[in-house]
Amino acid sequence: EVARTVREAISSSLSVSVCQGDRVLYCNTHRLRLLPVDQWLDNAKSGHWLPSFVLPRDPAVERAITTAQRYVRVIRDDPNAGFEGYQSASADDPESLDNVDLQVEAIWSALLHEWQLGYINPPPTYNQALDSQRLRTPSAIQHHRMGTCIDLALLFAACLELVDIHPVVFLLDGHALPGYWRHR
C-alpha cells in the first residue's frame, strides 16, 4: 500500500526474518529507497526496468492506433489495410518487411500530425542522487500534448507493442529515441 501512495522518493527500511519452526534461519534489516511508481531509476543496477514503463494497455495508446488506421490505409494505398504486425513479414521477402515499415510510419504520422506533441523537461523530482526521472503515461502525454524524449519514446514503443511490432528504446547519454525490429 505504501509503494502506491509514495509521491516523492523516501528512505525506509525492511526487516526480514526467515524462520523454520523455532529456528531463525535469517534475520536482517535492509535500508531501501522507495520511488513513486512513475519514477524510473536510471543506473546500471536498475536501469533494465525501463520496459515496465511501456504501457500498451493505456487507453491513449488504443486511441493513437485508432487514429493511425486512417494513415495506414493511405500510406499502404489499401482501404482495407490494418495493423497486422509481423503476420505477413518474412526476413526473406524485403517487400513484406516494407509493410512493417509502413505500419510504423502510419503510427508515427498519426502521433506527429494528430497529437501535435511537443518537448518539455522532465517533471521535478526531489531526490539528491539525481539518478532517476519521472515518466509520463501515454494518457498524460496525450492530455498535455508534451513529453520528454524518453516519454515520447515509451509512447511510441507502447503503440508498436500494441500492434505486435517489437519496439526498441535506444538510450544515449542524456537522450532516448525509439526504434523497432523489422521482423521477429
Protein backbone atom coordinates (compact mmCIF):
# COMPACT_ATOMS: atom_id res chain seq x y z
CA GLU A 1 0.00 0.00 0.00
CA VAL A 2 2.83 2.40 0.86
CA ALA A 3 4.55 1.84 -2.51
CA ARG A 4 1.43 3.00 -4.39
CA THR A 5 0.98 6.15 -2.31
CA VAL A 6 4.57 7.46 -2.37
CA ARG A 7 4.70 10.82 -4.19
CA GLU A 8 8.41 11.51 -3.69
CA ALA A 9 11.40 9.24 -3.05
CA ILE A 10 11.60 8.18 0.57
CA SER A 11 14.18 6.27 2.57
CA SER A 12 12.94 3.43 4.70
CA SER A 13 13.95 0.02 5.94
CA LEU A 14 12.70 -3.52 5.56
CA SER A 15 13.11 -6.13 8.27
CA VAL A 16 13.32 -9.70 7.04
CA SER A 17 13.08 -12.77 9.26
CA VAL A 18 13.04 -16.28 7.84
CA CYS A 19 12.15 -18.96 10.34
CA GLN A 20 11.73 -22.71 10.26
CA GLY A 21 9.80 -23.74 13.30
CA ASP A 22 11.50 -22.09 16.29
CA ARG A 23 14.81 -21.74 14.45
CA VAL A 24 15.71 -18.36 12.87
CA LEU A 25 17.42 -19.01 9.52
CA TYR A 26 17.91 -15.37 8.57
CA CYS A 27 17.24 -12.08 10.27
CA ASN A 28 18.38 -8.70 8.97
CA THR A 29 17.20 -5.17 8.34
CA HIS A 30 17.87 -3.64 4.93
CA ARG A 31 17.87 0.04 4.03
CA LEU A 32 15.86 0.84 0.94
CA ARG A 33 14.67 3.75 -1.11
CA LEU A 34 11.08 3.79 -2.36
CA LEU A 35 10.36 5.71 -5.55
CA PRO A 36 6.95 6.79 -6.82
CA VAL A 37 5.50 4.35 -9.36
CA ASP A 38 6.09 6.87 -12.16
CA GLN A 39 9.79 7.33 -11.41
CA TRP A 40 12.47 5.35 -13.23
CA LEU A 41 15.82 4.73 -11.60
CA ASP A 42 18.43 5.17 -14.33
CA ASN A 43 21.54 3.32 -13.26
CA ALA A 44 23.44 0.15 -14.13
CA LYS A 45 21.66 -1.89 -11.44
CA SER A 46 18.04 -0.81 -12.01
CA GLY A 47 18.00 0.73 -15.49
CA HIS A 48 16.87 -2.54 -17.07
CA TRP A 49 13.37 -1.95 -15.62
CA LEU A 50 12.62 0.70 -18.24
CA PRO A 51 10.45 -1.68 -20.35
CA SER A 52 7.99 -1.86 -17.46
CA PHE A 53 7.07 1.72 -18.41
CA VAL A 54 5.97 0.67 -21.92
CA LEU A 55 2.19 0.73 -21.40
CA PRO A 56 0.34 -0.70 -24.41
CA ARG A 57 -2.88 -1.04 -22.38
CA ASP A 58 -3.06 2.67 -21.58
CA PRO A 59 -6.28 3.99 -23.20
CA ALA A 60 -4.35 6.69 -25.09
CA VAL A 61 -2.35 4.04 -26.95
CA GLU A 62 -5.51 2.48 -28.31
CA ARG A 63 -6.73 5.95 -29.33
CA ALA A 64 -3.43 6.55 -31.13
CA ILE A 65 -3.74 3.29 -33.08
CA THR A 66 -7.37 4.06 -33.93
CA THR A 67 -6.23 7.39 -35.34
CA ALA A 68 -3.34 5.72 -37.16
CA GLN A 69 -5.81 3.42 -39.00
CA ARG A 70 -6.52 6.21 -41.50
CA TYR A 71 -2.82 6.72 -42.08
CA VAL A 72 -2.02 3.04 -42.60
CA ARG A 73 -4.75 2.81 -45.26
CA VAL A 74 -3.43 5.85 -47.12
CA ILE A 75 0.28 5.01 -46.77
CA ARG A 76 -0.25 1.41 -47.90
CA ASP A 77 -2.74 2.54 -50.58
CA ASP A 78 -5.21 -0.08 -49.43
CA PRO A 79 -8.65 0.79 -47.98
CA ASN A 80 -8.63 -2.49 -46.06
CA ALA A 81 -5.12 -2.18 -44.61
CA GLY A 82 -4.68 -2.52 -40.89
CA PHE A 83 -2.08 -3.35 -38.30
CA GLU A 84 -1.10 -6.98 -38.60
CA GLY A 85 2.36 -6.59 -37.11
CA TYR A 86 4.65 -9.32 -38.42
CA GLN A 87 1.93 -11.67 -39.67
CA SER A 88 2.84 -11.16 -43.30
CA ALA A 89 6.53 -10.33 -42.81
CA SER A 90 9.33 -12.66 -43.74
CA ALA A 91 13.05 -11.93 -43.40
CA ASP A 92 13.48 -13.48 -46.87
CA ASP A 93 10.95 -11.16 -48.51
CA PRO A 94 12.04 -7.49 -48.46
CA GLU A 95 8.65 -6.31 -49.74
CA SER A 96 6.87 -7.90 -46.78
CA LEU A 97 9.29 -6.08 -44.46
CA ASP A 98 8.29 -2.84 -46.16
CA ASN A 99 4.74 -3.46 -44.88
CA VAL A 100 6.08 -3.44 -41.33
CA ASP A 101 7.85 -0.14 -42.05
CA LEU A 102 4.61 1.31 -43.43
CA GLN A 103 2.71 0.33 -40.30
CA VAL A 104 5.34 2.08 -38.19
CA GLU A 105 5.20 5.12 -40.47
CA ALA A 106 1.42 5.27 -40.03
CA ILE A 107 1.73 5.31 -36.24
CA TRP A 108 4.48 7.93 -36.39
CA SER A 109 2.38 10.07 -38.74
CA ALA A 110 -0.68 9.89 -36.50
CA LEU A 111 1.30 10.92 -33.44
CA LEU A 112 3.08 13.68 -35.34
CA HIS A 113 0.13 15.19 -37.21
CA GLU A 114 -2.85 14.41 -34.97
CA TRP A 115 -1.41 14.62 -31.49
CA GLN A 116 0.96 17.53 -32.29
CA LEU A 117 3.27 16.70 -29.41
CA GLY A 118 5.96 18.99 -28.07
CA TYR A 119 9.02 18.55 -25.92
CA ILE A 120 9.13 19.52 -22.24
CA ASN A 121 11.69 18.94 -19.50
CA PRO A 122 11.08 16.11 -17.03
CA PRO A 123 8.70 16.68 -14.13
CA PRO A 124 10.60 17.68 -10.99
CA THR A 125 11.92 15.05 -8.63
CA TYR A 126 13.23 15.85 -5.22
CA ASN A 127 15.96 13.31 -4.80
CA GLN A 128 19.53 14.17 -4.02
CA ALA A 129 21.01 11.37 -6.11
CA LEU A 130 19.63 12.79 -9.40
CA ASP A 131 19.70 9.26 -10.77
CA SER A 132 16.03 8.95 -11.61
CA GLN A 133 13.39 10.61 -13.75
CA ARG A 134 9.63 10.91 -13.55
CA LEU A 135 7.95 9.42 -16.59
CA ARG A 136 4.61 10.41 -18.09
CA THR A 137 1.99 7.87 -19.11
CA PRO A 138 0.64 7.87 -22.67
CA SER A 139 -2.63 9.37 -21.37
CA ALA A 140 -0.76 12.22 -19.66
CA ILE A 141 1.26 12.84 -22.83
CA GLN A 142 -1.89 12.99 -24.93
CA HIS A 143 -3.72 15.19 -22.43
CA HIS A 144 -0.90 17.72 -22.07
CA ARG A 145 0.46 17.25 -25.63
CA MET A 146 4.03 17.08 -24.46
CA GLY A 147 6.71 14.82 -23.03
CA THR A 148 10.42 14.31 -22.65
CA CYS A 149 12.38 12.33 -25.20
CA ILE A 150 12.03 9.21 -23.07
CA ASP A 151 8.29 9.80 -22.50
CA LEU A 152 7.75 10.05 -26.25
CA ALA A 153 9.97 7.04 -26.99
CA LEU A 154 7.98 4.97 -24.47
CA LEU A 155 4.69 6.15 -26.00
CA PHE A 156 5.86 5.10 -29.45
CA ALA A 157 7.11 1.77 -28.08
CA ALA A 158 3.70 1.16 -26.47
CA CYS A 159 1.95 1.81 -29.79
CA LEU A 160 4.27 -0.60 -31.59
CA GLU A 161 3.81 -3.25 -28.93
CA LEU A 162 0.02 -2.97 -29.20
CA VAL A 163 0.14 -3.85 -32.92
CA ASP A 164 2.68 -6.67 -32.38
CA ILE A 165 5.78 -4.91 -33.65
CA HIS A 166 8.73 -5.31 -31.29
CA PRO A 167 9.89 -1.91 -30.04
CA VAL A 168 13.36 -0.83 -29.01
CA VAL A 169 14.24 2.22 -26.94
CA PHE A 170 17.75 3.49 -27.51
CA LEU A 171 19.29 5.26 -24.55
CA LEU A 172 22.08 7.67 -25.36
CA ASP A 173 23.85 9.99 -22.95
CA GLY A 174 21.04 12.37 -21.98
CA HIS A 175 18.69 11.30 -24.79
CA ALA A 176 16.31 8.50 -25.78
CA LEU A 177 14.81 7.55 -29.12
CA PRO A 178 12.50 4.78 -30.36
CA GLY A 179 13.20 2.02 -32.82
CA TYR A 180 11.77 -1.35 -33.83
CA TRP A 181 12.65 -4.76 -35.20
CA ARG A 182 11.65 -5.15 -38.85
CA HIS A 183 10.87 -8.86 -38.34
CA ARG A 184 10.58 -11.29 -35.47
